[in-house]
């Protein structure tokens, strides 16, 4: 059995490596368009391999129908309403008959703020509102995020289940720290591209603002 793990630009492959250590008899293949964040092959468990692959491109013949499990996460930055159907069909094509897809995603259309102090993270809120306006101006809508079950069922997946867990005390701080790091790396990368100056300033301010809120909570 093989598991295909799609690595995001800021990912280190932690999900795939943890899975591979727990299930050493299963082959885990890390696929991503950019593998720079992944540890070198000599550091990887013997049941883990890596391969450069862009899900937005055509599926190579040798990847068709070979995976029992595909785990994919946080690709909303690159997948729009205009290409989501092709992405889902590609994932379906890569699975064996009866295979499973696990997909973790952030819905930029629906978000809420959780802080240790109860204070509103002003800079972060401004950043996301500005980002949504920027996306709308470019015509890059992501309404597909609002209907995961329907999207997968229409593509041919069976028994699609959508789950949005409530925050738990044991995971709030790690999740928020991960989220802040994601902003620093993800939006930091975008800030080097052709973004409005207003958004670049917000990118620079929002992570330090979020860290202050978390730091006060930890004292």
C-alpha atoms as a PDB file:
ATOM      1  CA  UNK A   1       0.000   0.000   0.000  1.00  0.00           C
ATOM      2  CA  UNK A   2       1.306   3.494  -0.805  1.00  0.00           C
ATOM      3  CA  UNK A   3       0.400   6.896   0.522  1.00  0.00           C
ATOM      4  CA  UNK A   4       0.920   9.997  -1.556  1.00  0.00           C
ATOM      5  CA  UNK A   5       1.592  13.077   0.488  1.00  0.00           C
ATOM      6  CA  UNK A   6       1.292  16.484  -1.103  1.00  0.00           C
ATOM      7  CA  UNK A   7       3.709  18.943   0.536  1.00  0.00           C
ATOM      8  CA  UNK A   8       2.868  22.643   0.689  1.00  0.00           C
ATOM      9  CA  UNK A   9       5.542  25.262  -0.024  1.00  0.00           C
ATOM     10  CA  UNK A  10       6.229  25.833   3.674  1.00  0.00           C
ATOM     11  CA  UNK A  11       5.891  22.185   4.685  1.00  0.00           C
ATOM     12  CA  UNK A  12       8.690  20.025   6.038  1.00  0.00           C
ATOM     13  CA  UNK A  13       6.912  16.723   5.387  1.00  0.00           C
ATOM     14  CA  UNK A  14       6.102  16.255   9.078  1.00  0.00           C
ATOM     15  CA  UNK A  15       2.793  14.478   8.410  1.00  0.00           C
ATOM     16  CA  UNK A  16       4.373  12.022   5.970  1.00  0.00           C
ATOM     17  CA  UNK A  17       7.364  11.301   8.223  1.00  0.00           C
ATOM     18  CA  UNK A  18       5.188  10.766  11.287  1.00  0.00           C
ATOM     19  CA  UNK A  19       2.912   8.433   9.313  1.00  0.00           C
ATOM     20  CA  UNK A  20       5.879   6.500   7.909  1.00  0.00           C
ATOM     21  CA  UNK A  21       7.369   5.949  11.381  1.00  0.00           C
ATOM     22  CA  UNK A  22       4.061   4.672  12.761  1.00  0.00           C
ATOM     23  CA  UNK A  23       3.505   2.335   9.799  1.00  0.00           C
ATOM     24  CA  UNK A  24       6.953   1.152   8.624  1.00  0.00           C
ATOM     25  CA  UNK A  25       5.485  -1.529   6.338  1.00  0.00           C
ATOM     26  CA  UNK A  26       3.732   1.092   4.202  1.00  0.00           C
ATOM     27  CA  UNK A  27       5.497   2.990   1.426  1.00  0.00           C
ATOM     28  CA  UNK A  28       5.083   6.761   1.662  1.00  0.00           C
ATOM     29  CA  UNK A  29       5.848   8.928  -1.355  1.00  0.00           C
ATOM     30  CA  UNK A  30       6.152  12.711  -0.912  1.00  0.00           C
ATOM     31  CA  UNK A  31       5.051  14.653  -3.971  1.00  0.00           C
ATOM     32  CA  UNK A  32       5.445  18.401  -4.403  1.00  0.00           C
ATOM     33  CA  UNK A  33       6.350  20.972  -7.009  1.00  0.00           C
ATOM     34  CA  UNK A  34       9.021  22.232  -4.595  1.00  0.00           C
ATOM     35  CA  UNK A  35      10.868  19.807  -2.309  1.00  0.00           C
ATOM     36  CA  UNK A  36      13.302  22.300  -0.774  1.00  0.00           C
ATOM     37  CA  UNK A  37      11.683  22.143   2.693  1.00  0.00           C
ATOM     38  CA  UNK A  38      11.851  18.351   2.820  1.00  0.00           C
ATOM     39  CA  UNK A  39      14.820  16.779   4.687  1.00  0.00           C
ATOM     40  CA  UNK A  40      17.523  15.225   2.470  1.00  0.00           C
ATOM     41  CA  UNK A  41      16.862  11.680   1.310  1.00  0.00           C
ATOM     42  CA  UNK A  42      19.590  10.321   3.609  1.00  0.00           C
ATOM     43  CA  UNK A  43      17.584  11.565   6.612  1.00  0.00           C
ATOM     44  CA  UNK A  44      14.305   9.996   5.511  1.00  0.00           C
ATOM     45  CA  UNK A  45      13.026   6.628   6.781  1.00  0.00           C
ATOM     46  CA  UNK A  46      13.658   3.717   4.402  1.00  0.00           C
ATOM     47  CA  UNK A  47       9.938   3.578   3.488  1.00  0.00           C
ATOM     48  CA  UNK A  48       9.814   7.237   2.362  1.00  0.00           C
ATOM     49  CA  UNK A  49      10.661   8.539  -1.100  1.00  0.00           C
ATOM     50  CA  UNK A  50      10.195  11.961  -2.682  1.00  0.00           C
ATOM     51  CA  UNK A  51       9.417  13.158  -6.179  1.00  0.00           C
ATOM     52  CA  UNK A  52       8.965  16.573  -7.765  1.00  0.00           C
ATOM     53  CA  UNK A  53       5.457  16.824  -9.143  1.00  0.00           C
ATOM     54  CA  UNK A  54       3.010  19.639  -9.907  1.00  0.00           C
ATOM     55  CA  UNK A  55      -0.635  18.711  -9.387  1.00  0.00           C
ATOM     56  CA  UNK A  56      -1.687  21.532 -11.692  1.00  0.00           C
ATOM     57  CA  UNK A  57       0.015  19.788 -14.622  1.00  0.00           C
ATOM     58  CA  UNK A  58      -0.988  16.599 -16.467  1.00  0.00           C
ATOM     59  CA  UNK A  59      -0.621  13.369 -14.480  1.00  0.00           C
ATOM     60  CA  UNK A  60       2.319  11.216 -15.683  1.00  0.00           C
ATOM     61  CA  UNK A  61       1.280   7.732 -16.771  1.00  0.00           C
ATOM     62  CA  UNK A  62       3.320   6.077 -14.017  1.00  0.00           C
ATOM     63  CA  UNK A  63       1.270   7.871 -11.319  1.00  0.00           C
ATOM     64  CA  UNK A  64      -2.132   6.759 -12.614  1.00  0.00           C
ATOM     65  CA  UNK A  65      -4.020   4.388 -10.307  1.00  0.00           C
ATOM     66  CA  UNK A  66      -1.126   3.517  -7.986  1.00  0.00           C
ATOM     67  CA  UNK A  67      -2.052   4.970  -4.561  1.00  0.00           C
ATOM     68  CA  UNK A  68      -4.249   3.382  -1.918  1.00  0.00           C
ATOM     69  CA  UNK A  69      -4.243   6.563   0.179  1.00  0.00           C
ATOM     70  CA  UNK A  70      -3.647  10.181  -0.801  1.00  0.00           C
ATOM     71  CA  UNK A  71      -3.210  12.819   1.901  1.00  0.00           C
ATOM     72  CA  UNK A  72      -3.190  16.388   0.619  1.00  0.00           C
ATOM     73  CA  UNK A  73      -3.265  19.660   2.505  1.00  0.00           C
ATOM     74  CA  UNK A  74      -3.210  23.444   2.185  1.00  0.00           C
ATOM     75  CA  UNK A  75      -3.216  23.931  -1.576  1.00  0.00           C
ATOM     76  CA  UNK A  76      -5.912  26.628  -1.646  1.00  0.00           C
ATOM     77  CA  UNK A  77      -3.296  29.277  -2.470  1.00  0.00           C
ATOM     78  CA  UNK A  78      -2.779  27.679  -5.899  1.00  0.00           C
ATOM     79  CA  UNK A  79      -6.170  26.155  -6.692  1.00  0.00           C
ATOM     80  CA  UNK A  80      -8.963  28.383  -8.006  1.00  0.00           C
ATOM     81  CA  UNK A  81     -12.571  27.838  -9.063  1.00  0.00           C
ATOM     82  CA  UNK A  82     -11.253  27.773 -12.622  1.00  0.00           C
ATOM     83  CA  UNK A  83      -8.975  24.749 -12.105  1.00  0.00           C
ATOM     84  CA  UNK A  84     -10.399  22.890  -9.079  1.00  0.00           C
ATOM     85  CA  UNK A  85     -12.283  20.350 -11.220  1.00  0.00           C
ATOM     86  CA  UNK A  86      -9.059  19.361 -13.006  1.00  0.00           C
ATOM     87  CA  UNK A  87      -7.252  19.008  -9.654  1.00  0.00           C
ATOM     88  CA  UNK A  88      -9.950  16.755  -8.188  1.00  0.00           C
ATOM     89  CA  UNK A  89     -10.043  14.604 -11.317  1.00  0.00           C
ATOM     90  CA  UNK A  90      -6.253  14.246 -11.141  1.00  0.00           C
ATOM     91  CA  UNK A  91      -6.456  13.059  -7.537  1.00  0.00           C
ATOM     92  CA  UNK A  92      -9.162  10.576  -8.477  1.00  0.00           C
ATOM     93  CA  UNK A  93      -7.049   9.316 -11.367  1.00  0.00           C
ATOM     94  CA  UNK A  94      -4.038   8.716  -9.101  1.00  0.00           C
ATOM     95  CA  UNK A  95      -5.995   6.533  -6.664  1.00  0.00           C
ATOM     96  CA  UNK A  96      -6.453   2.803  -6.961  1.00  0.00           C
ATOM     97  CA  UNK A  97     -10.095   1.634  -7.221  1.00  0.00           C
ATOM     98  CA  UNK A  98     -11.470   1.794  -3.682  1.00  0.00           C
ATOM     99  CA  UNK A  99      -8.633   4.112  -2.550  1.00  0.00           C
ATOM    100  CA  UNK A 100      -9.006   6.906  -0.005  1.00  0.00           C
ATOM    101  CA  UNK A 101      -8.457  10.665  -0.170  1.00  0.00           C
ATOM    102  CA  UNK A 102      -7.808  12.720   2.986  1.00  0.00           C
ATOM    103  CA  UNK A 103      -7.785  16.476   2.401  1.00  0.00           C
ATOM    104  CA  UNK A 104      -6.994  19.163   4.992  1.00  0.00           C
ATOM    105  CA  UNK A 105      -7.632  22.740   3.950  1.00  0.00           C
ATOM    106  CA  UNK A 106      -8.042  26.305   5.194  1.00  0.00           C
ATOM    107  CA  UNK A 107     -11.207  28.060   4.078  1.00  0.00           C
ATOM    108  CA  UNK A 108     -10.342  31.695   3.525  1.00  0.00           C
ATOM    109  CA  UNK A 109     -14.045  32.416   2.954  1.00  0.00           C
ATOM    110  CA  UNK A 110     -14.949  31.390   6.503  1.00  0.00           C
ATOM    111  CA  UNK A 111     -12.579  32.095   9.345  1.00  0.00           C
ATOM    112  CA  UNK A 112     -12.676  33.066  13.019  1.00  0.00           C
ATOM    113  CA  UNK A 113     -10.055  34.403  15.401  1.00  0.00           C
ATOM    114  CA  UNK A 114      -8.954  32.598  18.569  1.00  0.00           C
ATOM    115  CA  UNK A 115      -6.410  34.341  20.826  1.00  0.00           C
ATOM    116  CA  UNK A 116      -5.184  33.734  24.335  1.00  0.00           C
ATOM    117  CA  UNK A 117      -5.974  37.269  25.474  1.00  0.00           C
ATOM    118  CA  UNK A 118      -9.368  37.715  23.849  1.00  0.00           C
ATOM    119  CA  UNK A 119      -7.986  40.688  21.930  1.00  0.00           C
ATOM    120  CA  UNK A 120      -8.852  41.063  18.262  1.00  0.00           C
ATOM    121  CA  UNK A 121      -5.707  40.450  16.124  1.00  0.00           C
ATOM    122  CA  UNK A 122      -6.160  43.675  14.170  1.00  0.00           C
ATOM    123  CA  UNK A 123      -3.238  43.388  11.744  1.00  0.00           C
ATOM    124  CA  UNK A 124      -4.053  39.776  10.888  1.00  0.00           C
ATOM    125  CA  UNK A 125      -7.713  40.594  10.335  1.00  0.00           C
ATOM    126  CA  UNK A 126      -6.741  43.492   8.054  1.00  0.00           C
ATOM    127  CA  UNK A 127      -4.380  41.222   6.132  1.00  0.00           C
ATOM    128  CA  UNK A 128      -7.055  38.646   5.379  1.00  0.00           C
ATOM    129  CA  UNK A 129      -9.633  41.264   4.414  1.00  0.00           C
ATOM    130  CA  UNK A 130      -7.107  42.917   2.092  1.00  0.00           C
ATOM    131  CA  UNK A 131      -6.153  39.535   0.663  1.00  0.00           C
ATOM    132  CA  UNK A 132      -9.793  38.701  -0.067  1.00  0.00           C
ATOM    133  CA  UNK A 133     -10.272  42.037  -1.854  1.00  0.00           C
ATOM    134  CA  UNK A 134      -7.068  41.443  -3.822  1.00  0.00           C
ATOM    135  CA  UNK A 135      -8.245  37.977  -4.842  1.00  0.00           C
ATOM    136  CA  UNK A 136     -11.644  39.332  -5.892  1.00  0.00           C
ATOM    137  CA  UNK A 137     -10.019  42.070  -7.998  1.00  0.00           C
ATOM    138  CA  UNK A 138      -7.923  39.464  -9.810  1.00  0.00           C
ATOM    139  CA  UNK A 139     -10.962  37.275 -10.406  1.00  0.00           C
ATOM    140  CA  UNK A 140      -9.349  34.423  -8.458  1.00  0.00           C
ATOM    141  CA  UNK A 141     -12.341  33.186  -6.465  1.00  0.00           C
ATOM    142  CA  UNK A 142     -12.195  30.063  -4.285  1.00  0.00           C
ATOM    143  CA  UNK A 143     -15.853  29.311  -3.659  1.00  0.00           C
ATOM    144  CA  UNK A 144     -15.045  25.594  -4.041  1.00  0.00           C
ATOM    145  CA  UNK A 145     -13.843  25.707  -0.426  1.00  0.00           C
ATOM    146  CA  UNK A 146     -17.458  26.121   0.723  1.00  0.00           C
ATOM    147  CA  UNK A 147     -18.692  22.812  -0.710  1.00  0.00           C
ATOM    148  CA  UNK A 148     -16.106  20.068  -0.197  1.00  0.00           C
ATOM    149  CA  UNK A 149     -18.571  17.187  -0.021  1.00  0.00           C
ATOM    150  CA  UNK A 150     -20.467  18.244  -3.122  1.00  0.00           C
ATOM    151  CA  UNK A 151     -17.257  18.907  -5.032  1.00  0.00           C
ATOM    152  CA  UNK A 152     -15.902  15.408  -4.376  1.00  0.00           C
ATOM    153  CA  UNK A 153     -19.192  13.609  -4.927  1.00  0.00           C
ATOM    154  CA  UNK A 154     -19.745  15.299  -8.282  1.00  0.00           C
ATOM    155  CA  UNK A 155     -16.238  14.218  -9.321  1.00  0.00           C
ATOM    156  CA  UNK A 156     -17.019  10.566  -8.605  1.00  0.00           C
ATOM    157  CA  UNK A 157     -15.819  10.092  -5.012  1.00  0.00           C
ATOM    158  CA  UNK A 158     -18.085   8.079  -2.728  1.00  0.00           C
ATOM    159  CA  UNK A 159     -18.952   8.605   0.945  1.00  0.00           C
ATOM    160  CA  UNK A 160     -17.348  12.051   1.102  1.00  0.00           C
ATOM    161  CA  UNK A 161     -17.471  13.453   4.655  1.00  0.00           C
ATOM    162  CA  UNK A 162     -16.619  17.027   5.658  1.00  0.00           C
ATOM    163  CA  UNK A 163     -15.394  17.665   9.209  1.00  0.00           C
ATOM    164  CA  UNK A 164     -14.576  21.007  10.862  1.00  0.00           C
ATOM    165  CA  UNK A 165     -13.405  20.217  14.428  1.00  0.00           C
ATOM    166  CA  UNK A 166     -13.989  22.697  17.221  1.00  0.00           C
ATOM    167  CA  UNK A 167     -10.824  24.127  18.856  1.00  0.00           C
ATOM    168  CA  UNK A 168      -9.540  22.094  21.822  1.00  0.00           C
ATOM    169  CA  UNK A 169      -7.539  23.362  24.768  1.00  0.00           C
ATOM    170  CA  UNK A 170      -4.753  20.870  24.073  1.00  0.00           C
ATOM    171  CA  UNK A 171      -4.263  21.998  20.479  1.00  0.00           C
ATOM    172  CA  UNK A 172      -5.106  25.718  20.425  1.00  0.00           C
ATOM    173  CA  UNK A 173      -1.596  27.049  21.011  1.00  0.00           C
ATOM    174  CA  UNK A 174       0.225  24.645  18.641  1.00  0.00           C
ATOM    175  CA  UNK A 175      -2.348  25.307  15.927  1.00  0.00           C
ATOM    176  CA  UNK A 176      -2.120  29.074  16.335  1.00  0.00           C
ATOM    177  CA  UNK A 177       1.700  28.963  16.307  1.00  0.00           C
ATOM    178  CA  UNK A 178       1.614  26.860  13.144  1.00  0.00           C
ATOM    179  CA  UNK A 179      -0.837  29.334  11.639  1.00  0.00           C
ATOM    180  CA  UNK A 180       1.455  32.278  12.429  1.00  0.00           C
ATOM    181  CA  UNK A 181       4.436  30.457  10.922  1.00  0.00           C
ATOM    182  CA  UNK A 182       2.309  29.794   7.857  1.00  0.00           C
ATOM    183  CA  UNK A 183       1.604  33.506   7.547  1.00  0.00           C
ATOM    184  CA  UNK A 184       5.290  34.327   7.900  1.00  0.00           C
ATOM    185  CA  UNK A 185       6.367  31.827   5.236  1.00  0.00           C
ATOM    186  CA  UNK A 186       3.348  31.822   2.938  1.00  0.00           C
ATOM    187  CA  UNK A 187       2.532  35.517   2.906  1.00  0.00           C
ATOM    188  CA  UNK A 188       6.215  36.344   3.260  1.00  0.00           C
ATOM    189  CA  UNK A 189       6.769  34.552  -0.045  1.00  0.00           C
ATOM    190  CA  UNK A 190       3.829  36.368  -1.616  1.00  0.00           C
ATOM    191  CA  UNK A 191       5.203  39.687  -0.366  1.00  0.00           C
ATOM    192  CA  UNK A 192       8.198  39.199  -2.664  1.00  0.00           C
ATOM    193  CA  UNK A 193       5.826  38.995  -5.594  1.00  0.00           C
ATOM    194  CA  UNK A 194       3.609  41.662  -7.173  1.00  0.00           C
ATOM    195  CA  UNK A 195       1.380  42.460  -4.206  1.00  0.00           C
ATOM    196  CA  UNK A 196      -0.182  45.831  -3.329  1.00  0.00           C
ATOM    197  CA  UNK A 197       2.012  47.904  -0.977  1.00  0.00           C
ATOM    198  CA  UNK A 198      -0.798  47.904   1.616  1.00  0.00           C
ATOM    199  CA  UNK A 199      -0.701  44.108   1.783  1.00  0.00           C
ATOM    200  CA  UNK A 200       3.097  44.010   2.012  1.00  0.00           C
ATOM    201  CA  UNK A 201       2.966  46.245   5.089  1.00  0.00           C
ATOM    202  CA  UNK A 202       0.282  44.074   6.676  1.00  0.00           C
ATOM    203  CA  UNK A 203       2.338  40.933   5.995  1.00  0.00           C
ATOM    204  CA  UNK A 204       5.255  42.479   7.871  1.00  0.00           C
ATOM    205  CA  UNK A 205       3.092  43.489  10.845  1.00  0.00           C
ATOM    206  CA  UNK A 206       0.635  40.630  11.313  1.00  0.00           C
ATOM    207  CA  UNK A 207       3.041  37.887  12.440  1.00  0.00           C
ATOM    208  CA  UNK A 208       4.688  40.052  15.115  1.00  0.00           C
ATOM    209  CA  UNK A 209       1.235  41.107  16.298  1.00  0.00           C
ATOM    210  CA  UNK A 210       0.131  37.471  16.553  1.00  0.00           C
ATOM    211  CA  UNK A 211       3.303  36.493  18.415  1.00  0.00           C
ATOM    212  CA  UNK A 212       2.703  39.219  20.996  1.00  0.00           C
ATOM    213  CA  UNK A 213      -0.795  37.883  21.691  1.00  0.00           C
ATOM    214  CA  UNK A 214       0.504  34.348  22.146  1.00  0.00           C
ATOM    215  CA  UNK A 215       3.477  35.456  24.245  1.00  0.00           C
ATOM    216  CA  UNK A 216       1.217  37.306  26.682  1.00  0.00           C
ATOM    217  CA  UNK A 217      -0.937  34.211  27.030  1.00  0.00           C
ATOM    218  CA  UNK A 218       2.096  32.023  27.849  1.00  0.00           C
ATOM    219  CA  UNK A 219       3.311  34.281  30.691  1.00  0.00           C
END
